[in-house]
Protein backbone atom coordinates (compact mmCIF):
# COMPACT_ATOMS: atom_id res chain seq x y z
CA UNK A 1 27.72 24.29 -5.56
CA UNK A 2 25.07 26.96 -6.16
CA UNK A 3 22.81 27.74 -3.23
CA UNK A 4 19.14 27.11 -4.12
CA UNK A 5 16.37 28.94 -2.30
CA UNK A 6 12.98 27.23 -2.44
CA UNK A 7 10.32 29.76 -1.53
CA UNK A 8 7.57 27.22 -0.79
CA UNK A 9 8.98 23.77 0.03
CA UNK A 10 5.54 22.27 0.81
CA UNK A 11 4.30 20.81 -2.47
CA UNK A 12 2.23 17.83 -1.25
CA UNK A 13 -0.81 17.39 0.93
CA UNK A 14 -0.29 15.72 4.31
CA UNK A 15 -3.47 13.71 3.63
CA UNK A 16 -2.26 12.01 0.44
CA UNK A 17 0.76 10.03 -0.65
CA UNK A 18 3.41 12.40 -2.06
CA UNK A 19 2.91 13.03 -5.77
CA UNK A 20 5.78 15.44 -6.47
CA UNK A 21 9.28 16.13 -5.21
CA UNK A 22 12.22 18.44 -5.82
CA UNK A 23 14.88 17.06 -8.14
CA UNK A 24 18.46 16.43 -7.02
CA UNK A 25 21.25 16.98 -9.52
CA UNK A 26 25.02 16.53 -9.41
CA UNK A 27 25.15 19.97 -7.77
CA UNK A 28 22.52 19.29 -5.08
CA UNK A 29 18.82 20.06 -4.71
CA UNK A 30 17.14 22.11 -7.40
CA UNK A 31 13.90 24.06 -7.45
CA UNK A 32 12.67 21.82 -10.29
CA UNK A 33 9.57 19.81 -9.38
CA UNK A 34 9.38 16.21 -10.59
CA UNK A 35 6.06 14.38 -10.78
CA UNK A 36 5.98 11.11 -8.83
CA UNK A 37 7.01 9.91 -5.42
CA UNK A 38 10.73 10.10 -4.63
CA UNK A 39 12.30 6.71 -4.02
CA UNK A 40 13.44 6.04 -0.48
CA UNK A 41 17.11 6.96 -0.28
CA UNK A 42 19.74 8.49 1.95
CA UNK A 43 22.92 10.52 1.53
CA UNK A 44 26.31 8.97 2.24
CA UNK A 45 28.33 11.45 4.28
CA UNK A 46 31.96 11.72 3.28
CA UNK A 47 34.40 12.43 6.11
CA UNK A 48 36.88 15.21 5.50
CA UNK A 49 40.63 14.80 5.83
CA UNK A 50 41.67 13.89 9.35
CA UNK A 51 43.68 16.64 11.01
CA UNK A 52 45.74 15.93 14.07
CA UNK A 53 43.96 16.98 17.26
CA UNK A 54 40.74 18.14 15.59
CA UNK A 55 37.37 16.46 15.61
CA UNK A 56 36.36 14.81 12.35
CA UNK A 57 33.65 16.73 10.46
CA UNK A 58 31.31 15.24 7.90
CA UNK A 59 30.84 16.96 4.57
CA UNK A 60 27.11 17.55 4.25
CA UNK A 61 26.78 18.23 0.53
CA UNK A 62 23.54 16.65 -0.59
CA UNK A 63 24.39 15.78 -4.16
CA UNK A 64 23.22 13.08 -6.54
CA UNK A 65 26.56 11.24 -6.42
CA UNK A 66 26.14 10.66 -2.67
CA UNK A 67 22.58 9.41 -2.94
CA UNK A 68 22.07 5.73 -2.03
CA UNK A 69 18.78 3.96 -2.63
CA UNK A 70 17.05 2.07 0.22
CA UNK A 71 16.34 -0.93 -2.01
CA UNK A 72 14.61 -3.00 0.68
CA UNK A 73 12.27 -0.12 1.62
CA UNK A 74 11.38 0.53 -2.02
CA UNK A 75 10.70 -3.17 -2.66
CA UNK A 76 8.45 -3.36 0.42
CA UNK A 77 6.62 -0.17 -0.65
CA UNK A 78 5.84 -1.80 -3.99
CA UNK A 79 4.57 -4.98 -2.37
CA UNK A 80 2.46 -3.04 0.17
CA UNK A 81 0.86 -1.05 -2.66
CA UNK A 82 0.11 -4.28 -4.55
CA UNK A 83 -1.17 -6.10 -1.46
CA UNK A 84 -3.26 -3.15 -0.30
CA UNK A 85 -5.16 -3.07 -3.57
CA UNK A 86 -5.64 -6.83 -3.51
CA UNK A 87 -6.89 -6.73 0.13
CA UNK A 88 -6.45 -10.47 0.41
CA UNK A 89 -5.42 -12.57 3.34
CA UNK A 90 -6.45 -10.34 6.23
CA UNK A 91 -8.36 -11.50 9.27
CA UNK A 92 -12.04 -10.62 9.65
CA UNK A 93 -11.16 -8.27 12.50
CA UNK A 94 -8.67 -6.37 10.37
CA UNK A 95 -11.03 -6.23 7.39
CA UNK A 96 -13.78 -4.86 9.64
CA UNK A 97 -11.72 -2.32 11.59
CA UNK A 98 -9.02 -1.09 9.18
CA UNK A 99 -9.01 0.27 5.65
CA UNK A 100 -6.81 -1.98 3.51
CA UNK A 101 -7.09 -0.18 0.20
CA UNK A 102 -6.65 3.54 -0.45
CA UNK A 103 -7.42 5.76 2.54
CA UNK A 104 -11.15 6.45 2.73
CA UNK A 105 -12.58 9.93 2.52
CA UNK A 106 -13.71 11.05 5.96
CA UNK A 107 -14.87 14.22 7.63
CA UNK A 108 -11.54 14.29 9.48
CA UNK A 109 -9.00 12.88 7.04
CA UNK A 110 -6.16 10.73 8.28
CA UNK A 111 -2.63 11.72 7.36
CA UNK A 112 -0.98 9.84 4.54
CA UNK A 113 1.83 8.73 6.85
CA UNK A 114 -0.61 7.31 9.39
CA UNK A 115 -2.63 5.46 6.75
CA UNK A 116 0.51 4.11 5.08
CA UNK A 117 1.90 2.95 8.42
CA UNK A 118 -1.32 1.05 9.19
CA UNK A 119 -1.42 -0.58 5.75
CA UNK A 120 2.28 -1.52 5.96
CA UNK A 121 1.89 -3.18 9.37
CA UNK A 122 -1.18 -5.07 8.17
CA UNK A 123 0.66 -6.17 5.04
CA UNK A 124 3.76 -7.32 6.92
CA UNK A 125 1.84 -9.25 9.58
CA UNK A 126 -1.15 -10.66 7.70
CA UNK A 127 -0.79 -10.49 3.92
CA UNK A 128 2.91 -11.01 3.13
CA UNK A 129 3.17 -14.53 4.60
CA UNK A 130 0.19 -15.66 2.49
CA UNK A 131 1.25 -13.75 -0.66
CA UNK A 132 4.62 -15.45 -1.06
CA UNK A 133 6.58 -12.53 0.36
CA UNK A 134 8.40 -14.44 3.08
CA UNK A 135 11.60 -12.71 1.91
CA UNK A 136 10.44 -9.57 3.74
CA UNK A 137 10.18 -11.33 7.09
CA UNK A 138 13.45 -13.19 6.40
CA UNK A 139 15.31 -9.97 5.71
CA UNK A 140 13.85 -8.28 8.81
CA UNK A 141 14.92 -11.29 10.92
CA UNK A 142 18.43 -11.28 9.40
CA UNK A 143 18.86 -7.59 10.19
CA UNK A 144 17.58 -8.10 13.70
CA UNK A 145 19.87 -11.10 14.27
CA UNK A 146 22.87 -9.01 13.24
CA UNK A 147 21.93 -6.30 15.76
CA UNK A 148 20.38 -8.23 18.65
CA UNK A 149 20.15 -12.00 18.21
CA UNK A 150 18.48 -12.61 21.57
CA UNK A 151 15.37 -10.47 20.95
CA UNK A 152 13.35 -10.37 17.74
CA UNK A 153 11.50 -7.15 17.24
CA UNK A 154 10.02 -5.08 14.44
CA UNK A 155 9.45 -1.42 15.20
CA UNK A 156 7.64 1.39 13.50
CA UNK A 157 7.56 5.05 14.24
CA UNK A 158 4.15 6.65 14.57
CA UNK A 159 4.09 10.04 12.82
CA UNK A 160 4.69 13.01 15.13
CA UNK A 161 1.80 15.41 15.74
CA UNK A 162 3.23 17.86 13.20
CA UNK A 163 3.30 15.10 10.56
CA UNK A 164 -0.31 14.11 11.30
CA UNK A 165 -1.74 17.56 10.58
């Protein structure tokens, strides 16, 4: 696998949804820029051969053949984008206090991650049940039941300070 050096890896603004990404090929990441948001995905690590007495190491080649799509995340992203533009089904409090559609222009812009997190939470809690997207809640509950059947919870991670800049 050829080693690729990307001189400037920052190609998107932190205040907008990503519009470009670096392409992955069968040989790994390239310096080729592709227009559009990358789908949510992860790399499947492949364990090396087990040797007696040695700790197992994971092969960390990031190549296209090890890429697995996060289908649920990508489906939810699509529904959030659709529901955010529709802005239907939210409470008066939410409509008054939170932007539902595209992030508004402000003197101090909010990060894309922060805006997207807010819109996703609003969609999941207020819009999805009314928009016929009960499958999202069902799948979240199924995953939770498999991990901890005695306590239902949905968690989100607020962007770190570095991600909010």
